[in-house]
Amino acid sequence: MVIKNKEIPLVLCNAKSKRTGKLCRQPAMKNRKCRLHGGKSTGAKTHKGKLNQKRAVTKHGFYSKEAILERKKTKEYIRKGKKLLLNC
């Protein structure tokens, strides 16, 4: 926290730069982020909005539960096949 004018406390944004590693020096809003780093954002509130957000961030589904389970089954199938070939 930086004191400005000795009376009004000025809270700075706590976002950190990936490139320089330094903290942002913009004044923060209520959620400790500045307007540039999502200070006005409150996130999705409704169930439909949350589903839309979830769909928007899924690019390919490689790490979805179904894809992981399918890869595990395939690996197990290959392991069993190798074991059968070695026992012949």
PDB file of N, CA and C in Angstrom:
ATOM      1  N   MET A   1       0.846  -1.180   0.000  1.00  0.00           N
ATOM      2  CA  MET A   1       0.000   0.000   0.000  1.00  0.00           C
ATOM      3  C   MET A   1       0.886   1.237   0.000  1.00  0.00           C
ATOM      4  N   VAL A   2       0.529   2.202  -0.775  1.00  0.00           N
ATOM      5  CA  VAL A   2       1.266   3.452  -0.872  1.00  0.00           C
ATOM      6  C   VAL A   2       0.366   4.564  -0.352  1.00  0.00           C
ATOM      7  N   ILE A   3       0.925   5.420   0.480  1.00  0.00           N
ATOM      8  CA  ILE A   3       0.146   6.533   1.021  1.00  0.00           C
ATOM      9  C   ILE A   3       0.268   7.715   0.058  1.00  0.00           C
ATOM     10  N   LYS A   4      -0.874   8.241  -0.344  1.00  0.00           N
ATOM     11  CA  LYS A   4      -0.893   9.383  -1.245  1.00  0.00           C
ATOM     12  C   LYS A   4      -1.546  10.547  -0.502  1.00  0.00           C
ATOM     13  N   ASN A   5      -0.909  11.676  -0.494  1.00  0.00           N
ATOM     14  CA  ASN A   5      -1.392  12.885   0.183  1.00  0.00           C
ATOM     15  C   ASN A   5      -1.511  12.692   1.690  1.00  0.00           C
ATOM     16  N   LYS A   6      -0.873  11.706   2.255  1.00  0.00           N
ATOM     17  CA  LYS A   6      -0.815  11.421   3.690  1.00  0.00           C
ATOM     18  C   LYS A   6      -2.175  11.147   4.320  1.00  0.00           C
ATOM     19  N   GLU A   7      -3.254  11.148   3.550  1.00  0.00           N
ATOM     20  CA  GLU A   7      -4.580  10.908   4.107  1.00  0.00           C
ATOM     21  C   GLU A   7      -5.289   9.762   3.409  1.00  0.00           C
ATOM     22  N   ILE A   8      -5.207   9.717   2.084  1.00  0.00           N
ATOM     23  CA  ILE A   8      -5.940   8.719   1.310  1.00  0.00           C
ATOM     24  C   ILE A   8      -5.004   7.556   0.985  1.00  0.00           C
ATOM     25  N   PRO A   9      -5.291   6.362   1.520  1.00  0.00           N
ATOM     26  CA  PRO A   9      -4.438   5.221   1.167  1.00  0.00           C
ATOM     27  C   PRO A   9      -4.717   4.776  -0.269  1.00  0.00           C
ATOM     28  N   LEU A  10      -3.679   4.542  -1.025  1.00  0.00           N
ATOM     29  CA  LEU A  10      -3.808   4.119  -2.411  1.00  0.00           C
ATOM     30  C   LEU A  10      -3.338   2.675  -2.508  1.00  0.00           C
ATOM     31  N   VAL A  11      -4.244   1.790  -2.862  1.00  0.00           N
ATOM     32  CA  VAL A  11      -3.906   0.378  -3.003  1.00  0.00           C
ATOM     33  C   VAL A  11      -3.525   0.134  -4.454  1.00  0.00           C
ATOM     34  N   LEU A  12      -2.389  -0.529  -4.652  1.00  0.00           N
ATOM     35  CA  LEU A  12      -1.923  -0.809  -6.004  1.00  0.00           C
ATOM     36  C   LEU A  12      -2.351  -2.198  -6.441  1.00  0.00           C
ATOM     37  N   CYS A  13      -2.438  -2.374  -7.744  1.00  0.00           N
ATOM     38  CA  CYS A  13      -2.800  -3.654  -8.349  1.00  0.00           C
ATOM     39  C   CYS A  13      -1.750  -4.699  -7.968  1.00  0.00           C
ATOM     40  N   ASN A  14      -2.199  -5.923  -7.651  1.00  0.00           N
ATOM     41  CA  ASN A  14      -1.238  -6.962  -7.266  1.00  0.00           C
ATOM     42  C   ASN A  14      -0.945  -7.934  -8.405  1.00  0.00           C
ATOM     43  N   ALA A  15      -1.242  -7.541  -9.656  1.00  0.00           N
ATOM     44  CA  ALA A  15      -0.919  -8.381 -10.813  1.00  0.00           C
ATOM     45  C   ALA A  15       0.580  -8.286 -11.086  1.00  0.00           C
ATOM     46  N   LYS A  16       1.154  -9.411 -11.523  1.00  0.00           N
ATOM     47  CA  LYS A  16       2.589  -9.470 -11.763  1.00  0.00           C
ATOM     48  C   LYS A  16       2.853  -9.739 -13.243  1.00  0.00           C
ATOM     49  N   SER A  17       3.821  -9.060 -13.799  1.00  0.00           N
ATOM     50  CA  SER A  17       4.173  -9.230 -15.207  1.00  0.00           C
ATOM     51  C   SER A  17       4.916 -10.545 -15.416  1.00  0.00           C
ATOM     52  N   LYS A  18       4.532 -11.288 -16.468  1.00  0.00           N
ATOM     53  CA  LYS A  18       5.237 -12.532 -16.792  1.00  0.00           C
ATOM     54  C   LYS A  18       6.641 -12.232 -17.308  1.00  0.00           C
ATOM     55  N   ARG A  19       6.743 -11.154 -18.050  1.00  0.00           N
ATOM     56  CA  ARG A  19       8.006 -10.839 -18.720  1.00  0.00           C
ATOM     57  C   ARG A  19       9.046 -10.289 -17.749  1.00  0.00           C
ATOM     58  N   THR A  20       8.672  -9.282 -16.950  1.00  0.00           N
ATOM     59  CA  THR A  20       9.654  -8.633 -16.078  1.00  0.00           C
ATOM     60  C   THR A  20       9.606  -9.147 -14.647  1.00  0.00           C
ATOM     61  N   GLY A  21       8.470  -9.711 -14.240  1.00  0.00           N
ATOM     62  CA  GLY A  21       8.329 -10.187 -12.866  1.00  0.00           C
ATOM     63  C   GLY A  21       7.982  -9.084 -11.883  1.00  0.00           C
ATOM     64  N   LYS A  22       7.801  -7.865 -12.376  1.00  0.00           N
ATOM     65  CA  LYS A  22       7.480  -6.735 -11.508  1.00  0.00           C
ATOM     66  C   LYS A  22       5.971  -6.606 -11.341  1.00  0.00           C
ATOM     67  N   LEU A  23       5.562  -5.975 -10.237  1.00  0.00           N
ATOM     68  CA  LEU A  23       4.146  -5.746  -9.980  1.00  0.00           C
ATOM     69  C   LEU A  23       3.637  -4.567 -10.798  1.00  0.00           C
ATOM     70  N   CYS A  24       2.354  -4.627 -11.127  1.00  0.00           N
ATOM     71  CA  CYS A  24       1.689  -3.537 -11.834  1.00  0.00           C
ATOM     72  C   CYS A  24       1.609  -2.335 -10.894  1.00  0.00           C
ATOM     73  N   ARG A  25       1.767  -1.139 -11.432  1.00  0.00           N
ATOM     74  CA  ARG A  25       1.761   0.056 -10.593  1.00  0.00           C
ATOM     75  C   ARG A  25       0.486   0.874 -10.741  1.00  0.00           C
ATOM     76  N   GLN A  26      -0.553   0.304 -11.350  1.00  0.00           N
ATOM     77  CA  GLN A  26      -1.829   0.988 -11.517  1.00  0.00           C
ATOM     78  C   GLN A  26      -2.619   0.931 -10.203  1.00  0.00           C
ATOM     79  N   PRO A  27      -3.480   1.906  -9.943  1.00  0.00           N
ATOM     80  CA  PRO A  27      -4.330   1.844  -8.750  1.00  0.00           C
ATOM     81  C   PRO A  27      -5.339   0.703  -8.861  1.00  0.00           C
ATOM     82  N   ALA A  28      -5.527  -0.014  -7.771  1.00  0.00           N
ATOM     83  CA  ALA A  28      -6.409  -1.180  -7.769  1.00  0.00           C
ATOM     84  C   ALA A  28      -7.853  -0.785  -7.495  1.00  0.00           C
ATOM     85  N   MET A  29      -8.747  -1.687  -7.907  1.00  0.00           N
ATOM     86  CA  MET A  29     -10.165  -1.531  -7.616  1.00  0.00           C
ATOM     87  C   MET A  29     -10.476  -2.393  -6.386  1.00  0.00           C
ATOM     88  N   LYS A  30     -11.744  -2.686  -6.136  1.00  0.00           N
ATOM     89  CA  LYS A  30     -12.139  -3.437  -4.942  1.00  0.00           C
ATOM     90  C   LYS A  30     -11.510  -4.822  -4.854  1.00  0.00           C
ATOM     91  N   ASN A  31     -11.295  -5.467  -5.995  1.00  0.00           N
ATOM     92  CA  ASN A  31     -10.779  -6.838  -5.965  1.00  0.00           C
ATOM     93  C   ASN A  31      -9.253  -6.902  -6.081  1.00  0.00           C
ATOM     94  N   ARG A  32      -8.571  -5.835  -5.778  1.00  0.00           N
ATOM     95  CA  ARG A  32      -7.110  -5.737  -5.770  1.00  0.00           C
ATOM     96  C   ARG A  32      -6.474  -5.852  -7.152  1.00  0.00           C
ATOM     97  N   LYS A  33      -7.273  -5.681  -8.211  1.00  0.00           N
ATOM     98  CA  LYS A  33      -6.750  -5.660  -9.580  1.00  0.00           C
ATOM     99  C   LYS A  33      -7.121  -4.321 -10.208  1.00  0.00           C
ATOM    100  N   CYS A  34      -6.289  -3.861 -11.115  1.00  0.00           N
ATOM    101  CA  CYS A  34      -6.595  -2.607 -11.803  1.00  0.00           C
ATOM    102  C   CYS A  34      -7.537  -2.874 -12.973  1.00  0.00           C
ATOM    103  N   ARG A  35      -7.958  -1.834 -13.637  1.00  0.00           N
ATOM    104  CA  ARG A  35      -8.884  -1.972 -14.761  1.00  0.00           C
ATOM    105  C   ARG A  35      -8.258  -2.739 -15.911  1.00  0.00           C
ATOM    106  N   LEU A  36      -6.935  -2.726 -16.013  1.00  0.00           N
ATOM    107  CA  LEU A  36      -6.244  -3.424 -17.096  1.00  0.00           C
ATOM    108  C   LEU A  36      -6.153  -4.931 -16.851  1.00  0.00           C
ATOM    109  N   HIS A  37      -6.196  -5.338 -15.592  1.00  0.00           N
ATOM    110  CA  HIS A  37      -6.033  -6.755 -15.249  1.00  0.00           C
ATOM    111  C   HIS A  37      -7.311  -7.391 -14.718  1.00  0.00           C
ATOM    112  N   GLY A  38      -8.454  -6.853 -15.084  1.00  0.00           N
ATOM    113  CA  GLY A  38      -9.731  -7.473 -14.733  1.00  0.00           C
ATOM    114  C   GLY A  38     -10.374  -6.937 -13.481  1.00  0.00           C
ATOM    115  N   GLY A  39     -10.118  -5.703 -13.137  1.00  0.00           N
ATOM    116  CA  GLY A  39     -10.698  -5.115 -11.936  1.00  0.00           C
ATOM    117  C   GLY A  39     -12.207  -4.988 -11.989  1.00  0.00           C
ATOM    118  N   LYS A  40     -12.761  -4.756 -13.169  1.00  0.00           N
ATOM    119  CA  LYS A  40     -14.210  -4.612 -13.306  1.00  0.00           C
ATOM    120  C   LYS A  40     -14.904  -5.944 -13.522  1.00  0.00           C
ATOM    121  N   SER A  41     -14.141  -6.983 -13.791  1.00  0.00           N
ATOM    122  CA  SER A  41     -14.727  -8.287 -14.080  1.00  0.00           C
ATOM    123  C   SER A  41     -15.235  -8.944 -12.801  1.00  0.00           C
ATOM    124  N   THR A  42     -16.433  -9.503 -12.869  1.00  0.00           N
ATOM    125  CA  THR A  42     -16.996 -10.215 -11.718  1.00  0.00           C
ATOM    126  C   THR A  42     -17.229 -11.681 -12.033  1.00  0.00           C
ATOM    127  N   GLY A  43     -17.028 -12.076 -13.271  1.00  0.00           N
ATOM    128  CA  GLY A  43     -17.212 -13.473 -13.657  1.00  0.00           C
ATOM    129  C   GLY A  43     -18.661 -13.786 -13.979  1.00  0.00           C
ATOM    130  N   ALA A  44     -18.874 -14.989 -14.472  1.00  0.00           N
ATOM    131  CA  ALA A  44     -20.222 -15.423 -14.837  1.00  0.00           C
ATOM    132  C   ALA A  44     -21.045 -15.688 -13.581  1.00  0.00           C
ATOM    133  N   LYS A  45     -22.313 -15.302 -13.611  1.00  0.00           N
ATOM    134  CA  LYS A  45     -23.196 -15.479 -12.451  1.00  0.00           C
ATOM    135  C   LYS A  45     -24.212 -16.598 -12.665  1.00  0.00           C
ATOM    136  N   THR A  46     -24.763 -16.704 -13.865  1.00  0.00           N
ATOM    137  CA  THR A  46     -25.809 -17.694 -14.122  1.00  0.00           C
ATOM    138  C   THR A  46     -25.199 -19.026 -14.546  1.00  0.00           C
ATOM    139  N   HIS A  47     -26.006 -20.068 -14.446  1.00  0.00           N
ATOM    140  CA  HIS A  47     -25.551 -21.405 -14.839  1.00  0.00           C
ATOM    141  C   HIS A  47     -25.210 -21.430 -16.327  1.00  0.00           C
ATOM    142  N   LYS A  48     -26.042 -20.781 -17.137  1.00  0.00           N
ATOM    143  CA  LYS A  48     -25.805 -20.734 -18.578  1.00  0.00           C
ATOM    144  C   LYS A  48     -24.502 -19.992 -18.887  1.00  0.00           C
ATOM    145  N   GLY A  49     -24.263 -18.901 -18.186  1.00  0.00           N
ATOM    146  CA  GLY A  49     -23.034 -18.134 -18.387  1.00  0.00           C
ATOM    147  C   GLY A  49     -21.793 -18.928 -18.012  1.00  0.00           C
ATOM    148  N   LYS A  50     -21.890 -19.697 -16.923  1.00  0.00           N
ATOM    149  CA  LYS A  50     -20.760 -20.525 -16.498  1.00  0.00           C
ATOM    150  C   LYS A  50     -20.481 -21.634 -17.508  1.00  0.00           C
ATOM    151  N   LEU A  51     -21.552 -22.214 -18.086  1.00  0.00           N
ATOM    152  CA  LEU A  51     -21.363 -23.242 -19.115  1.00  0.00           C
ATOM    153  C   LEU A  51     -20.713 -22.652 -20.363  1.00  0.00           C
ATOM    154  N   ASN A  52     -21.148 -21.451 -20.751  1.00  0.00           N
ATOM    155  CA  ASN A  52     -20.553 -20.785 -21.915  1.00  0.00           C
ATOM    156  C   ASN A  52     -19.069 -20.518 -21.695  1.00  0.00           C
ATOM    157  N   GLN A  53     -18.721 -20.099 -20.495  1.00  0.00           N
ATOM    158  CA  GLN A  53     -17.328 -19.822 -20.171  1.00  0.00           C
ATOM    159  C   GLN A  53     -16.501 -21.107 -20.213  1.00  0.00           C
ATOM    160  N   LYS A  54     -17.066 -22.180 -19.698  1.00  0.00           N
ATOM    161  CA  LYS A  54     -16.370 -23.465 -19.697  1.00  0.00           C
ATOM    162  C   LYS A  54     -16.128 -23.952 -21.125  1.00  0.00           C
ATOM    163  N   ARG A  55     -17.126 -23.775 -21.993  1.00  0.00           N
ATOM    164  CA  ARG A  55     -16.988 -24.184 -23.388  1.00  0.00           C
ATOM    165  C   ARG A  55     -15.978 -23.311 -24.127  1.00  0.00           C
ATOM    166  N   ALA A  56     -15.905 -22.049 -23.765  1.00  0.00           N
ATOM    167  CA  ALA A  56     -15.022 -21.121 -24.466  1.00  0.00           C
ATOM    168  C   ALA A  56     -13.550 -21.421 -24.197  1.00  0.00           C
ATOM    169  N   VAL A  57     -13.222 -21.916 -23.014  1.00  0.00           N
ATOM    170  CA  VAL A  57     -11.816 -22.164 -22.687  1.00  0.00           C
ATOM    171  C   VAL A  57     -11.346 -23.546 -23.119  1.00  0.00           C
ATOM    172  N   THR A  58     -12.265 -24.436 -23.512  1.00  0.00           N
ATOM    173  CA  THR A  58     -11.877 -25.762 -23.975  1.00  0.00           C
ATOM    174  C   THR A  58     -11.479 -25.667 -25.440  1.00  0.00           C
ATOM    175  N   LYS A  59     -10.207 -25.943 -25.726  1.00  0.00           N
ATOM    176  CA  LYS A  59      -9.719 -25.826 -27.095  1.00  0.00           C
ATOM    177  C   LYS A  59      -9.839 -27.140 -27.844  1.00  0.00           C
ATOM    178  N   HIS A  60      -9.391 -28.212 -27.244  1.00  0.00           N
ATOM    179  CA  HIS A  60      -9.328 -29.464 -27.986  1.00  0.00           C
ATOM    180  C   HIS A  60      -9.838 -30.661 -27.199  1.00  0.00           C
ATOM    181  N   GLY A  61      -9.978 -30.563 -25.898  1.00  0.00           N
ATOM    182  CA  GLY A  61     -10.495 -31.669 -25.105  1.00  0.00           C
ATOM    183  C   GLY A  61      -9.473 -32.743 -24.796  1.00  0.00           C
ATOM    184  N   PHE A  62      -8.194 -32.490 -25.019  1.00  0.00           N
ATOM    185  CA  PHE A  62      -7.150 -33.487 -24.791  1.00  0.00           C
ATOM    186  C   PHE A  62      -7.080 -33.899 -23.324  1.00  0.00           C
ATOM    187  N   TYR A  63      -7.357 -32.980 -22.418  1.00  0.00           N
ATOM    188  CA  TYR A  63      -7.279 -33.265 -20.992  1.00  0.00           C
ATOM    189  C   TYR A  63      -8.650 -33.486 -20.360  1.00  0.00           C
ATOM    190  N   SER A  64      -9.673 -33.711 -21.158  1.00  0.00           N
ATOM    191  CA  SER A  64     -10.999 -33.977 -20.604  1.00  0.00           C
ATOM    192  C   SER A  64     -11.004 -35.358 -19.955  1.00  0.00           C
ATOM    193  N   LYS A  65     -11.943 -35.585 -19.053  1.00  0.00           N
ATOM    194  CA  LYS A  65     -12.021 -36.871 -18.351  1.00  0.00           C
ATOM    195  C   LYS A  65     -12.189 -38.029 -19.326  1.00  0.00           C
ATOM    196  N   GLU A  66     -13.010 -37.804 -20.345  1.00  0.00           N
ATOM    197  CA  GLU A  66     -13.261 -38.870 -21.322  1.00  0.00           C
ATOM    198  C   GLU A  66     -11.999 -39.213 -22.106  1.00  0.00           C
ATOM    199  N   ALA A  67     -11.255 -38.199 -22.523  1.00  0.00           N
ATOM    200  CA  ALA A  67     -10.040 -38.437 -23.304  1.00  0.00           C
ATOM    201  C   ALA A  67      -8.977 -39.137 -22.462  1.00  0.00           C
ATOM    202  N   ILE A  68      -8.841 -38.743 -21.209  1.00  0.00           N
ATOM    203  CA  ILE A  68      -7.866 -39.378 -20.316  1.00  0.00           C
ATOM    204  C   ILE A  68      -8.232 -40.834 -20.094  1.00  0.00           C
ATOM    205  N   LEU A  69      -9.512 -41.107 -19.863  1.00  0.00           N
ATOM    206  CA  LEU A  69      -9.968 -42.479 -19.652  1.00  0.00           C
ATOM    207  C   LEU A  69      -9.728 -43.335 -20.898  1.00  0.00           C
ATOM    208  N   GLU A  70      -9.987 -42.769 -22.061  1.00  0.00           N
ATOM    209  CA  GLU A  70      -9.772 -43.499 -23.314  1.00  0.00           C
ATOM    210  C   GLU A  70      -8.290 -43.838 -23.503  1.00  0.00           C
ATOM    211  N   ARG A  71      -7.403 -42.893 -23.188  1.00  0.00           N
ATOM    212  CA  ARG A  71      -5.966 -43.167 -23.310  1.00  0.00           C
ATOM    213  C   ARG A  71      -5.516 -44.234 -22.320  1.00  0.00           C
ATOM    214  N   LYS A  72      -6.074 -44.220 -21.112  1.00  0.00           N
ATOM    215  CA  LYS A  72      -5.722 -45.249 -20.121  1.00  0.00           C
ATOM    216  C   LYS A  72      -6.143 -46.634 -20.605  1.00  0.00           C
ATOM    217  N   LYS A  73      -7.347 -46.718 -21.172  1.00  0.00           N
ATOM    218  CA  LYS A  73      -7.826 -48.003 -21.693  1.00  0.00           C
ATOM    219  C   LYS A  73      -6.935 -48.495 -22.827  1.00  0.00           C
ATOM    220  N   THR A  74      -6.534 -47.586 -23.706  1.00  0.00           N
ATOM    221  CA  THR A  74      -5.670 -47.954 -24.829  1.00  0.00           C
ATOM    222  C   THR A  74      -4.313 -48.444 -24.332  1.00  0.00           C
ATOM    223  N   LYS A  75      -3.737 -47.750 -23.354  1.00  0.00           N
ATOM    224  CA  LYS A  75      -2.447 -48.178 -22.796  1.00  0.00           C
ATOM    225  C   LYS A  75      -2.551 -49.555 -22.167  1.00  0.00           C
ATOM    226  N   GLU A  76      -3.638 -49.801 -21.446  1.00  0.00           N
ATOM    227  CA  GLU A  76      -3.838 -51.110 -20.812  1.00  0.00           C
ATOM    228  C   GLU A  76      -3.991 -52.197 -21.875  1.00  0.00           C
ATOM    229  N   TYR A  77      -4.702 -51.896 -22.948  1.00  0.00           N
ATOM    230  CA  TYR A  77      -4.888 -52.846 -24.051  1.00  0.00           C
ATOM    231  C   TYR A  77      -3.536 -53.188 -24.693  1.00  0.00           C
ATOM    232  N   ILE A  78      -2.699 -52.191 -24.895  1.00  0.00           N
ATOM    233  CA  ILE A  78      -1.366 -52.409 -25.472  1.00  0.00           C
ATOM    234  C   ILE A  78      -0.505 -53.233 -24.520  1.00  0.00           C
ATOM    235  N   ARG A  79      -0.565 -52.924 -23.214  1.00  0.00           N
ATOM    236  CA  ARG A  79       0.196 -53.694 -22.217  1.00  0.00           C
ATOM    237  C   ARG A  79      -0.194 -55.169 -22.240  1.00  0.00           C
ATOM    238  N   LYS A  80      -1.497 -55.425 -22.296  1.00  0.00           N
ATOM    239  CA  LYS A  80      -1.973 -56.814 -22.329  1.00  0.00           C
ATOM    240  C   LYS A  80      -1.511 -57.519 -23.601  1.00  0.00           C
ATOM    241  N   GLY A  81      -1.540 -56.808 -24.726  1.00  0.00           N
ATOM    242  CA  GLY A  81      -1.082 -57.384 -25.991  1.00  0.00           C
ATOM    243  C   GLY A  81       0.398 -57.735 -25.949  1.00  0.00           C
ATOM    244  N   LYS A  82       1.220 -56.847 -25.407  1.00  0.00           N
ATOM    245  CA  LYS A  82       2.655 -57.122 -25.287  1.00  0.00           C
ATOM    246  C   LYS A  82       2.912 -58.310 -24.372  1.00  0.00           C
ATOM    247  N   LYS A  83       2.145 -58.374 -23.283  1.00  0.00           N
ATOM    248  CA  LYS A  83       2.305 -59.477 -22.334  1.00  0.00           C
ATOM    249  C   LYS A  83       1.966 -60.809 -23.008  1.00  0.00           C
ATOM    250  N   LEU A  84       0.903 -60.831 -23.804  1.00  0.00           N
ATOM    251  CA  LEU A  84       0.527 -62.049 -24.529  1.00  0.00           C
ATOM    252  C   LEU A  84       1.604 -62.460 -25.531  1.00  0.00           C
ATOM    253  N   LEU A  85       2.177 -61.486 -26.231  1.00  0.00           N
ATOM    254  CA  LEU A  85       3.219 -61.787 -27.215  1.00  0.00           C
ATOM    255  C   LEU A  85       4.490 -62.323 -26.554  1.00  0.00           C
ATOM    256  N   LEU A  86       4.823 -61.808 -25.390  1.00  0.00           N
ATOM    257  CA  LEU A  86       6.029 -62.263 -24.693  1.00  0.00           C
ATOM    258  C   LEU A  86       5.853 -63.658 -24.106  1.00  0.00           C
ATOM    259  N   ASN A  87       4.632 -64.033 -23.763  1.00  0.00           N
ATOM    260  CA  ASN A  87       4.372 -65.347 -23.163  1.00  0.00           C
ATOM    261  C   ASN A  87       4.241 -66.454 -24.205  1.00  0.00           C
ATOM    262  N   CYS A  88       4.178 -66.130 -25.475  1.00  0.00           N
ATOM    263  CA  CYS A  88       4.005 -67.161 -26.518  1.00  0.00           C
ATOM    264  C   CYS A  88       5.228 -68.005 -26.686  1.00  0.00           C
TER     265      CYS A  88
END
